[in-house]
Amino acid sequence: MISKTKKAKVIAKTKLHDKDTGSSDVQVGILTERINQLADHLKVHKKDNSSRRGLLKMVSKRLSHLKYIKKSDTERHIASVKVSKSK
């Protein structure tokens, strides 16, 4: 689970306007943070298949958000990829 402070930092880094908490850019940032935490968990707990499934679902959801951003605005897509450090 991502802490409130980390979530607030991610939102501050990726928001499009002052009251933005749910745009695709913010969602990509939050999902990236959660994916990183879960990947670290799975390095220690290799047989935790429930968490592995959750990780795959999050990766898929992040990819969907990135595809949407790419379709709507390519400049935002490039910025989102740089922030999330993902492909």
PDB file of N, CA and C in Angstrom:
ATOM      1  N   MET A   1       0.839  -1.170   0.000  1.00  0.00           N
ATOM      2  CA  MET A   1       0.000   0.000   0.000  1.00  0.00           C
ATOM      3  C   MET A   1       0.886   1.237   0.000  1.00  0.00           C
ATOM      4  N   ILE A   2       0.507   2.199  -0.754  1.00  0.00           N
ATOM      5  CA  ILE A   2       1.271   3.438  -0.880  1.00  0.00           C
ATOM      6  C   ILE A   2       0.850   4.404   0.236  1.00  0.00           C
ATOM      7  N   SER A   3       1.819   5.047   0.873  1.00  0.00           N
ATOM      8  CA  SER A   3       1.512   5.957   1.973  1.00  0.00           C
ATOM      9  C   SER A   3       0.927   7.265   1.431  1.00  0.00           C
ATOM     10  N   LYS A   4       0.261   7.996   2.323  1.00  0.00           N
ATOM     11  CA  LYS A   4      -0.365   9.252   1.913  1.00  0.00           C
ATOM     12  C   LYS A   4       0.672  10.268   1.453  1.00  0.00           C
ATOM     13  N   THR A   5       1.826  10.285   2.109  1.00  0.00           N
ATOM     14  CA  THR A   5       2.843  11.271   1.739  1.00  0.00           C
ATOM     15  C   THR A   5       3.424  10.976   0.361  1.00  0.00           C
ATOM     16  N   LYS A   6       3.696   9.687   0.076  1.00  0.00           N
ATOM     17  CA  LYS A   6       4.210   9.330  -1.249  1.00  0.00           C
ATOM     18  C   LYS A   6       3.174   9.623  -2.324  1.00  0.00           C
ATOM     19  N   LYS A   7       1.917   9.314  -2.006  1.00  0.00           N
ATOM     20  CA  LYS A   7       0.847   9.562  -2.962  1.00  0.00           C
ATOM     21  C   LYS A   7       0.717  11.061  -3.241  1.00  0.00           C
ATOM     22  N   ALA A   8       0.824  11.874  -2.195  1.00  0.00           N
ATOM     23  CA  ALA A   8       0.736  13.323  -2.370  1.00  0.00           C
ATOM     24  C   ALA A   8       1.900  13.844  -3.212  1.00  0.00           C
ATOM     25  N   LYS A   9       3.095  13.286  -3.022  1.00  0.00           N
ATOM     26  CA  LYS A   9       4.253  13.698  -3.818  1.00  0.00           C
ATOM     27  C   LYS A   9       4.059  13.345  -5.287  1.00  0.00           C
ATOM     28  N   VAL A  10       3.536  12.148  -5.541  1.00  0.00           N
ATOM     29  CA  VAL A  10       3.301  11.717  -6.923  1.00  0.00           C
ATOM     30  C   VAL A  10       2.254  12.609  -7.577  1.00  0.00           C
ATOM     31  N   ILE A  11       1.195  12.905  -6.842  1.00  0.00           N
ATOM     32  CA  ILE A  11       0.142  13.763  -7.387  1.00  0.00           C
ATOM     33  C   ILE A  11       0.694  15.151  -7.679  1.00  0.00           C
ATOM     34  N   ALA A  12       1.498  15.688  -6.759  1.00  0.00           N
ATOM     35  CA  ALA A  12       2.075  17.021  -6.965  1.00  0.00           C
ATOM     36  C   ALA A  12       2.983  17.052  -8.186  1.00  0.00           C
ATOM     37  N   LYS A  13       3.677  15.943  -8.443  1.00  0.00           N
ATOM     38  CA  LYS A  13       4.608  15.889  -9.564  1.00  0.00           C
ATOM     39  C   LYS A  13       3.894  15.749 -10.906  1.00  0.00           C
ATOM     40  N   THR A  14       2.737  15.078 -10.923  1.00  0.00           N
ATOM     41  CA  THR A  14       2.104  14.735 -12.195  1.00  0.00           C
ATOM     42  C   THR A  14       0.791  15.453 -12.479  1.00  0.00           C
ATOM     43  N   LYS A  15       0.301  16.264 -11.559  1.00  0.00           N
ATOM     44  CA  LYS A  15      -1.014  16.891 -11.765  1.00  0.00           C
ATOM     45  C   LYS A  15      -0.981  17.907 -12.897  1.00  0.00           C
ATOM     46  N   LEU A  16      -2.122  18.048 -13.543  1.00  0.00           N
ATOM     47  CA  LEU A  16      -2.255  18.973 -14.662  1.00  0.00           C
ATOM     48  C   LEU A  16      -2.727  20.351 -14.208  1.00  0.00           C
ATOM     49  N   HIS A  17      -3.495  20.399 -13.104  1.00  0.00           N
ATOM     50  CA  HIS A  17      -3.959  21.660 -12.536  1.00  0.00           C
ATOM     51  C   HIS A  17      -4.067  21.492 -11.027  1.00  0.00           C
ATOM     52  N   ASP A  18      -4.454  22.538 -10.311  1.00  0.00           N
ATOM     53  CA  ASP A  18      -4.399  22.536  -8.847  1.00  0.00           C
ATOM     54  C   ASP A  18      -5.239  21.449  -8.189  1.00  0.00           C
ATOM     55  N   LYS A  19      -6.420  21.187  -8.700  1.00  0.00           N
ATOM     56  CA  LYS A  19      -7.321  20.231  -8.055  1.00  0.00           C
ATOM     57  C   LYS A  19      -7.335  18.873  -8.747  1.00  0.00           C
ATOM     58  N   ASP A  20      -6.302  18.573  -9.492  1.00  0.00           N
ATOM     59  CA  ASP A  20      -6.237  17.334 -10.267  1.00  0.00           C
ATOM     60  C   ASP A  20      -5.783  16.178  -9.385  1.00  0.00           C
ATOM     61  N   THR A  21      -6.646  15.175  -9.219  1.00  0.00           N
ATOM     62  CA  THR A  21      -6.265  13.970  -8.480  1.00  0.00           C
ATOM     63  C   THR A  21      -6.583  12.699  -9.245  1.00  0.00           C
ATOM     64  N   GLY A  22      -7.300  12.793 -10.351  1.00  0.00           N
ATOM     65  CA  GLY A  22      -7.736  11.583 -11.018  1.00  0.00           C
ATOM     66  C   GLY A  22      -7.462  11.505 -12.501  1.00  0.00           C
ATOM     67  N   SER A  23      -6.685  12.431 -13.040  1.00  0.00           N
ATOM     68  CA  SER A  23      -6.400  12.370 -14.472  1.00  0.00           C
ATOM     69  C   SER A  23      -5.535  11.151 -14.777  1.00  0.00           C
ATOM     70  N   SER A  24      -5.457  10.807 -16.025  1.00  0.00           N
ATOM     71  CA  SER A  24      -4.672   9.637 -16.425  1.00  0.00           C
ATOM     72  C   SER A  24      -3.201   9.801 -16.065  1.00  0.00           C
ATOM     73  N   ASP A  25      -2.685  11.021 -16.136  1.00  0.00           N
ATOM     74  CA  ASP A  25      -1.289  11.259 -15.769  1.00  0.00           C
ATOM     75  C   ASP A  25      -1.044  10.920 -14.301  1.00  0.00           C
ATOM     76  N   VAL A  26      -1.942  11.364 -13.443  1.00  0.00           N
ATOM     77  CA  VAL A  26      -1.816  11.086 -12.015  1.00  0.00           C
ATOM     78  C   VAL A  26      -1.978   9.594 -11.761  1.00  0.00           C
ATOM     79  N   GLN A  27      -2.921   8.968 -12.436  1.00  0.00           N
ATOM     80  CA  GLN A  27      -3.141   7.536 -12.256  1.00  0.00           C
ATOM     81  C   GLN A  27      -1.912   6.733 -12.661  1.00  0.00           C
ATOM     82  N   VAL A  28      -1.247   7.140 -13.734  1.00  0.00           N
ATOM     83  CA  VAL A  28      -0.028   6.451 -14.168  1.00  0.00           C
ATOM     84  C   VAL A  28       1.044   6.573 -13.095  1.00  0.00           C
ATOM     85  N   GLY A  29       1.196   7.760 -12.524  1.00  0.00           N
ATOM     86  CA  GLY A  29       2.193   7.957 -11.479  1.00  0.00           C
ATOM     87  C   GLY A  29       1.918   7.124 -10.245  1.00  0.00           C
ATOM     88  N   ILE A  30       0.669   7.086  -9.810  1.00  0.00           N
ATOM     89  CA  ILE A  30       0.302   6.310  -8.625  1.00  0.00           C
ATOM     90  C   ILE A  30       0.477   4.819  -8.895  1.00  0.00           C
ATOM     91  N   LEU A  31       0.030   4.364 -10.055  1.00  0.00           N
ATOM     92  CA  LEU A  31       0.191   2.950 -10.395  1.00  0.00           C
ATOM     93  C   LEU A  31       1.660   2.561 -10.471  1.00  0.00           C
ATOM     94  N   THR A  32       2.496   3.441 -10.988  1.00  0.00           N
ATOM     95  CA  THR A  32       3.927   3.152 -11.071  1.00  0.00           C
ATOM     96  C   THR A  32       4.516   2.967  -9.682  1.00  0.00           C
ATOM     97  N   GLU A  33       4.133   3.827  -8.759  1.00  0.00           N
ATOM     98  CA  GLU A  33       4.635   3.711  -7.380  1.00  0.00           C
ATOM     99  C   GLU A  33       4.171   2.399  -6.749  1.00  0.00           C
ATOM    100  N   ARG A  34       2.899   2.054  -6.947  1.00  0.00           N
ATOM    101  CA  ARG A  34       2.377   0.798  -6.397  1.00  0.00           C
ATOM    102  C   ARG A  34       3.053  -0.410  -7.039  1.00  0.00           C
ATOM    103  N   ILE A  35       3.305  -0.341  -8.342  1.00  0.00           N
ATOM    104  CA  ILE A  35       3.972  -1.439  -9.049  1.00  0.00           C
ATOM    105  C   ILE A  35       5.379  -1.636  -8.506  1.00  0.00           C
ATOM    106  N   ASN A  36       6.092  -0.539  -8.282  1.00  0.00           N
ATOM    107  CA  ASN A  36       7.452  -0.645  -7.746  1.00  0.00           C
ATOM    108  C   ASN A  36       7.460  -1.288  -6.365  1.00  0.00           C
ATOM    109  N   GLN A  37       6.509  -0.889  -5.509  1.00  0.00           N
ATOM    110  CA  GLN A  37       6.440  -1.476  -4.171  1.00  0.00           C
ATOM    111  C   GLN A  37       6.104  -2.959  -4.243  1.00  0.00           C
ATOM    112  N   LEU A  38       5.177  -3.323  -5.092  1.00  0.00           N
ATOM    113  CA  LEU A  38       4.774  -4.720  -5.201  1.00  0.00           C
ATOM    114  C   LEU A  38       5.871  -5.569  -5.827  1.00  0.00           C
ATOM    115  N   ALA A  39       6.622  -5.011  -6.743  1.00  0.00           N
ATOM    116  CA  ALA A  39       7.747  -5.740  -7.339  1.00  0.00           C
ATOM    117  C   ALA A  39       8.805  -6.036  -6.281  1.00  0.00           C
ATOM    118  N   ASP A  40       9.065  -5.062  -5.397  1.00  0.00           N
ATOM    119  CA  ASP A  40      10.006  -5.301  -4.301  1.00  0.00           C
ATOM    120  C   ASP A  40       9.493  -6.392  -3.370  1.00  0.00           C
ATOM    121  N   HIS A  41       8.191  -6.391  -3.100  1.00  0.00           N
ATOM    122  CA  HIS A  41       7.592  -7.425  -2.259  1.00  0.00           C
ATOM    123  C   HIS A  41       7.766  -8.807  -2.887  1.00  0.00           C
ATOM    124  N   LEU A  42       7.561  -8.882  -4.201  1.00  0.00           N
ATOM    125  CA  LEU A  42       7.645 -10.175  -4.882  1.00  0.00           C
ATOM    126  C   LEU A  42       9.077 -10.681  -5.007  1.00  0.00           C
ATOM    127  N   LYS A  43      10.064  -9.803  -4.908  1.00  0.00           N
ATOM    128  CA  LYS A  43      11.451 -10.264  -4.904  1.00  0.00           C
ATOM    129  C   LYS A  43      11.742 -11.078  -3.653  1.00  0.00           C
ATOM    130  N   VAL A  44      11.102 -10.709  -2.542  1.00  0.00           N
ATOM    131  CA  VAL A  44      11.296 -11.427  -1.281  1.00  0.00           C
ATOM    132  C   VAL A  44      10.366 -12.635  -1.201  1.00  0.00           C
ATOM    133  N   HIS A  45       9.106 -12.455  -1.564  1.00  0.00           N
ATOM    134  CA  HIS A  45       8.079 -13.496  -1.453  1.00  0.00           C
ATOM    135  C   HIS A  45       7.757 -14.025  -2.849  1.00  0.00           C
ATOM    136  N   LYS A  46       8.588 -14.900  -3.331  1.00  0.00           N
ATOM    137  CA  LYS A  46       8.500 -15.366  -4.716  1.00  0.00           C
ATOM    138  C   LYS A  46       7.244 -16.192  -5.009  1.00  0.00           C
ATOM    139  N   LYS A  47       6.673 -16.836  -4.005  1.00  0.00           N
ATOM    140  CA  LYS A  47       5.526 -17.714  -4.242  1.00  0.00           C
ATOM    141  C   LYS A  47       4.183 -17.042  -3.971  1.00  0.00           C
ATOM    142  N   ASP A  48       4.170 -15.762  -3.786  1.00  0.00           N
ATOM    143  CA  ASP A  48       2.943 -15.021  -3.519  1.00  0.00           C
ATOM    144  C   ASP A  48       2.225 -14.742  -4.840  1.00  0.00           C
ATOM    145  N   ASN A  49       1.478 -15.733  -5.300  1.00  0.00           N
ATOM    146  CA  ASN A  49       0.853 -15.641  -6.617  1.00  0.00           C
ATOM    147  C   ASN A  49      -0.326 -14.678  -6.651  1.00  0.00           C
ATOM    148  N   SER A  50      -0.996 -14.472  -5.525  1.00  0.00           N
ATOM    149  CA  SER A  50      -2.094 -13.505  -5.488  1.00  0.00           C
ATOM    150  C   SER A  50      -1.572 -12.095  -5.737  1.00  0.00           C
ATOM    151  N   SER A  51      -0.451 -11.779  -5.120  1.00  0.00           N
ATOM    152  CA  SER A  51       0.149 -10.461  -5.340  1.00  0.00           C
ATOM    153  C   SER A  51       0.692 -10.340  -6.754  1.00  0.00           C
ATOM    154  N   ARG A  52       1.199 -11.432  -7.295  1.00  0.00           N
ATOM    155  CA  ARG A  52       1.712 -11.416  -8.669  1.00  0.00           C
ATOM    156  C   ARG A  52       0.579 -11.099  -9.651  1.00  0.00           C
ATOM    157  N   ARG A  53      -0.591 -11.673  -9.410  1.00  0.00           N
ATOM    158  CA  ARG A  53      -1.744 -11.404 -10.264  1.00  0.00           C
ATOM    159  C   ARG A  53      -2.161  -9.937 -10.152  1.00  0.00           C
ATOM    160  N   GLY A  54      -2.153  -9.413  -8.926  1.00  0.00           N
ATOM    161  CA  GLY A  54      -2.468  -8.003  -8.733  1.00  0.00           C
ATOM    162  C   GLY A  54      -1.478  -7.101  -9.447  1.00  0.00           C
ATOM    163  N   LEU A  55      -0.199  -7.498  -9.425  1.00  0.00           N
ATOM    164  CA  LEU A  55       0.838  -6.735 -10.120  1.00  0.00           C
ATOM    165  C   LEU A  55       0.567  -6.708 -11.620  1.00  0.00           C
ATOM    166  N   LEU A  56       0.227  -7.845 -12.182  1.00  0.00           N
ATOM    167  CA  LEU A  56      -0.051  -7.908 -13.618  1.00  0.00           C
ATOM    168  C   LEU A  56      -1.269  -7.058 -13.989  1.00  0.00           C
ATOM    169  N   LYS A  57      -2.283  -7.038 -13.115  1.00  0.00           N
ATOM    170  CA  LYS A  57      -3.454  -6.209 -13.368  1.00  0.00           C
ATOM    171  C   LYS A  57      -3.097  -4.725 -13.339  1.00  0.00           C
ATOM    172  N   MET A  58      -2.218  -4.344 -12.385  1.00  0.00           N
ATOM    173  CA  MET A  58      -1.807  -2.942 -12.303  1.00  0.00           C
ATOM    174  C   MET A  58      -0.985  -2.533 -13.518  1.00  0.00           C
ATOM    175  N   VAL A  59      -0.106  -3.414 -13.973  1.00  0.00           N
ATOM    176  CA  VAL A  59       0.704  -3.117 -15.158  1.00  0.00           C
ATOM    177  C   VAL A  59      -0.205  -2.936 -16.370  1.00  0.00           C
ATOM    178  N   SER A  60      -1.211  -3.785 -16.480  1.00  0.00           N
ATOM    179  CA  SER A  60      -2.151  -3.683 -17.593  1.00  0.00           C
ATOM    180  C   SER A  60      -2.947  -2.381 -17.527  1.00  0.00           C
ATOM    181  N   LYS A  61      -3.383  -2.007 -16.340  1.00  0.00           N
ATOM    182  CA  LYS A  61      -4.148  -0.772 -16.176  1.00  0.00           C
ATOM    183  C   LYS A  61      -3.283   0.447 -16.496  1.00  0.00           C
ATOM    184  N   ARG A  62      -2.003   0.410 -16.065  1.00  0.00           N
ATOM    185  CA  ARG A  62      -1.091   1.516 -16.374  1.00  0.00           C
ATOM    186  C   ARG A  62      -0.882   1.625 -17.880  1.00  0.00           C
ATOM    187  N   LEU A  63      -0.734   0.490 -18.549  1.00  0.00           N
ATOM    188  CA  LEU A  63      -0.565   0.491 -19.997  1.00  0.00           C
ATOM    189  C   LEU A  63      -1.794   1.071 -20.690  1.00  0.00           C
ATOM    190  N   SER A  64      -2.980   0.754 -20.188  1.00  0.00           N
ATOM    191  CA  SER A  64      -4.207   1.307 -20.761  1.00  0.00           C
ATOM    192  C   SER A  64      -4.242   2.826 -20.622  1.00  0.00           C
ATOM    193  N   HIS A  65      -3.859   3.331 -19.444  1.00  0.00           N
ATOM    194  CA  HIS A  65      -3.820   4.779 -19.243  1.00  0.00           C
ATOM    195  C   HIS A  65      -2.802   5.429 -20.178  1.00  0.00           C
ATOM    196  N   LEU A  66      -1.629   4.796 -20.334  1.00  0.00           N
ATOM    197  CA  LEU A  66      -0.606   5.352 -21.214  1.00  0.00           C
ATOM    198  C   LEU A  66      -1.065   5.362 -22.670  1.00  0.00           C
ATOM    199  N   LYS A  67      -1.781   4.325 -23.089  1.00  0.00           N
ATOM    200  CA  LYS A  67      -2.315   4.301 -24.456  1.00  0.00           C
ATOM    201  C   LYS A  67      -3.323   5.431 -24.663  1.00  0.00           C
ATOM    202  N   TYR A  68      -4.162   5.661 -23.657  1.00  0.00           N
ATOM    203  CA  TYR A  68      -5.146   6.741 -23.749  1.00  0.00           C
ATOM    204  C   TYR A  68      -4.446   8.092 -23.856  1.00  0.00           C
ATOM    205  N   ILE A  69      -3.422   8.301 -23.019  1.00  0.00           N
ATOM    206  CA  ILE A  69      -2.688   9.570 -23.053  1.00  0.00           C
ATOM    207  C   ILE A  69      -2.007   9.746 -24.407  1.00  0.00           C
ATOM    208  N   LYS A  70      -1.427   8.669 -24.930  1.00  0.00           N
ATOM    209  CA  LYS A  70      -0.746   8.747 -26.221  1.00  0.00           C
ATOM    210  C   LYS A  70      -1.727   9.098 -27.332  1.00  0.00           C
ATOM    211  N   LYS A  71      -2.921   8.522 -27.263  1.00  0.00           N
ATOM    212  CA  LYS A  71      -3.938   8.782 -28.276  1.00  0.00           C
ATOM    213  C   LYS A  71      -4.429  10.226 -28.208  1.00  0.00           C
ATOM    214  N   SER A  72      -4.562  10.773 -27.010  1.00  0.00           N
ATOM    215  CA  SER A  72      -5.133  12.110 -26.868  1.00  0.00           C
ATOM    216  C   SER A  72      -4.101  13.226 -26.985  1.00  0.00           C
ATOM    217  N   ASP A  73      -2.883  13.015 -26.440  1.00  0.00           N
ATOM    218  CA  ASP A  73      -1.878  14.082 -26.465  1.00  0.00           C
ATOM    219  C   ASP A  73      -0.488  13.460 -26.353  1.00  0.00           C
ATOM    220  N   THR A  74       0.268  13.470 -27.438  1.00  0.00           N
ATOM    221  CA  THR A  74       1.566  12.791 -27.450  1.00  0.00           C
ATOM    222  C   THR A  74       2.594  13.480 -26.566  1.00  0.00           C
ATOM    223  N   GLU A  75       2.516  14.801 -26.416  1.00  0.00           N
ATOM    224  CA  GLU A  75       3.465  15.496 -25.548  1.00  0.00           C
ATOM    225  C   GLU A  75       3.275  15.082 -24.095  1.00  0.00           C
ATOM    226  N   ARG A  76       2.022  14.975 -23.670  1.00  0.00           N
ATOM    227  CA  ARG A  76       1.737  14.503 -22.308  1.00  0.00           C
ATOM    228  C   ARG A  76       2.208  13.070 -22.140  1.00  0.00           C
ATOM    229  N   HIS A  77       2.076  12.273 -23.190  1.00  0.00           N
ATOM    230  CA  HIS A  77       2.509  10.879 -23.126  1.00  0.00           C
ATOM    231  C   HIS A  77       4.009  10.795 -22.874  1.00  0.00           C
ATOM    232  N   ILE A  78       4.777  11.583 -23.584  1.00  0.00           N
ATOM    233  CA  ILE A  78       6.229  11.576 -23.403  1.00  0.00           C
ATOM    234  C   ILE A  78       6.580  11.996 -21.985  1.00  0.00           C
ATOM    235  N   ALA A  79       5.902  13.013 -21.459  1.00  0.00           N
ATOM    236  CA  ALA A  79       6.159  13.468 -20.093  1.00  0.00           C
ATOM    237  C   ALA A  79       5.768  12.395 -19.080  1.00  0.00           C
ATOM    238  N   SER A  80       4.651  11.702 -19.309  1.00  0.00           N
ATOM    239  CA  SER A  80       4.215  10.649 -18.392  1.00  0.00           C
ATOM    240  C   SER A  80       5.196   9.493 -18.375  1.00  0.00           C
ATOM    241  N   VAL A  81       5.709   9.139 -19.523  1.00  0.00           N
ATOM    242  CA  VAL A  81       6.673   8.040 -19.596  1.00  0.00           C
ATOM    243  C   VAL A  81       7.957   8.418 -18.869  1.00  0.00           C
ATOM    244  N   LYS A  82       8.389   9.663 -19.014  1.00  0.00           N
ATOM    245  CA  LYS A  82       9.595  10.104 -18.313  1.00  0.00           C
ATOM    246  C   LYS A  82       9.393  10.068 -16.808  1.00  0.00           C
ATOM    247  N   VAL A  83       8.226  10.513 -16.345  1.00  0.00           N
ATOM    248  CA  VAL A  83       7.951  10.527 -14.912  1.00  0.00           C
ATOM    249  C   VAL A  83       7.846   9.110 -14.374  1.00  0.00           C
ATOM    250  N   SER A  84       7.153   8.252 -15.083  1.00  0.00           N
ATOM    251  CA  SER A  84       6.944   6.898 -14.579  1.00  0.00           C
ATOM    252  C   SER A  84       8.117   5.971 -14.860  1.00  0.00           C
ATOM    253  N   LYS A  85       9.012   6.386 -15.758  1.00  0.00           N
ATOM    254  CA  LYS A  85      10.179   5.574 -16.130  1.00  0.00           C
ATOM    255  C   LYS A  85       9.749   4.191 -16.599  1.00  0.00           C
ATOM    256  N   SER A  86       8.689   4.174 -17.410  1.00  0.00           N
ATOM    257  CA  SER A  86       8.178   2.910 -17.925  1.00  0.00           C
ATOM    258  C   SER A  86       8.181   2.950 -19.437  1.00  0.00           C
ATOM    259  N   LYS A  87       7.875   1.801 -20.054  1.00  0.00           N
ATOM    260  CA  LYS A  87       7.854   1.707 -21.507  1.00  0.00           C
ATOM    261  C   LYS A  87       6.473   1.950 -22.040  1.00  0.00           C
TER     262      LYS A  87
END
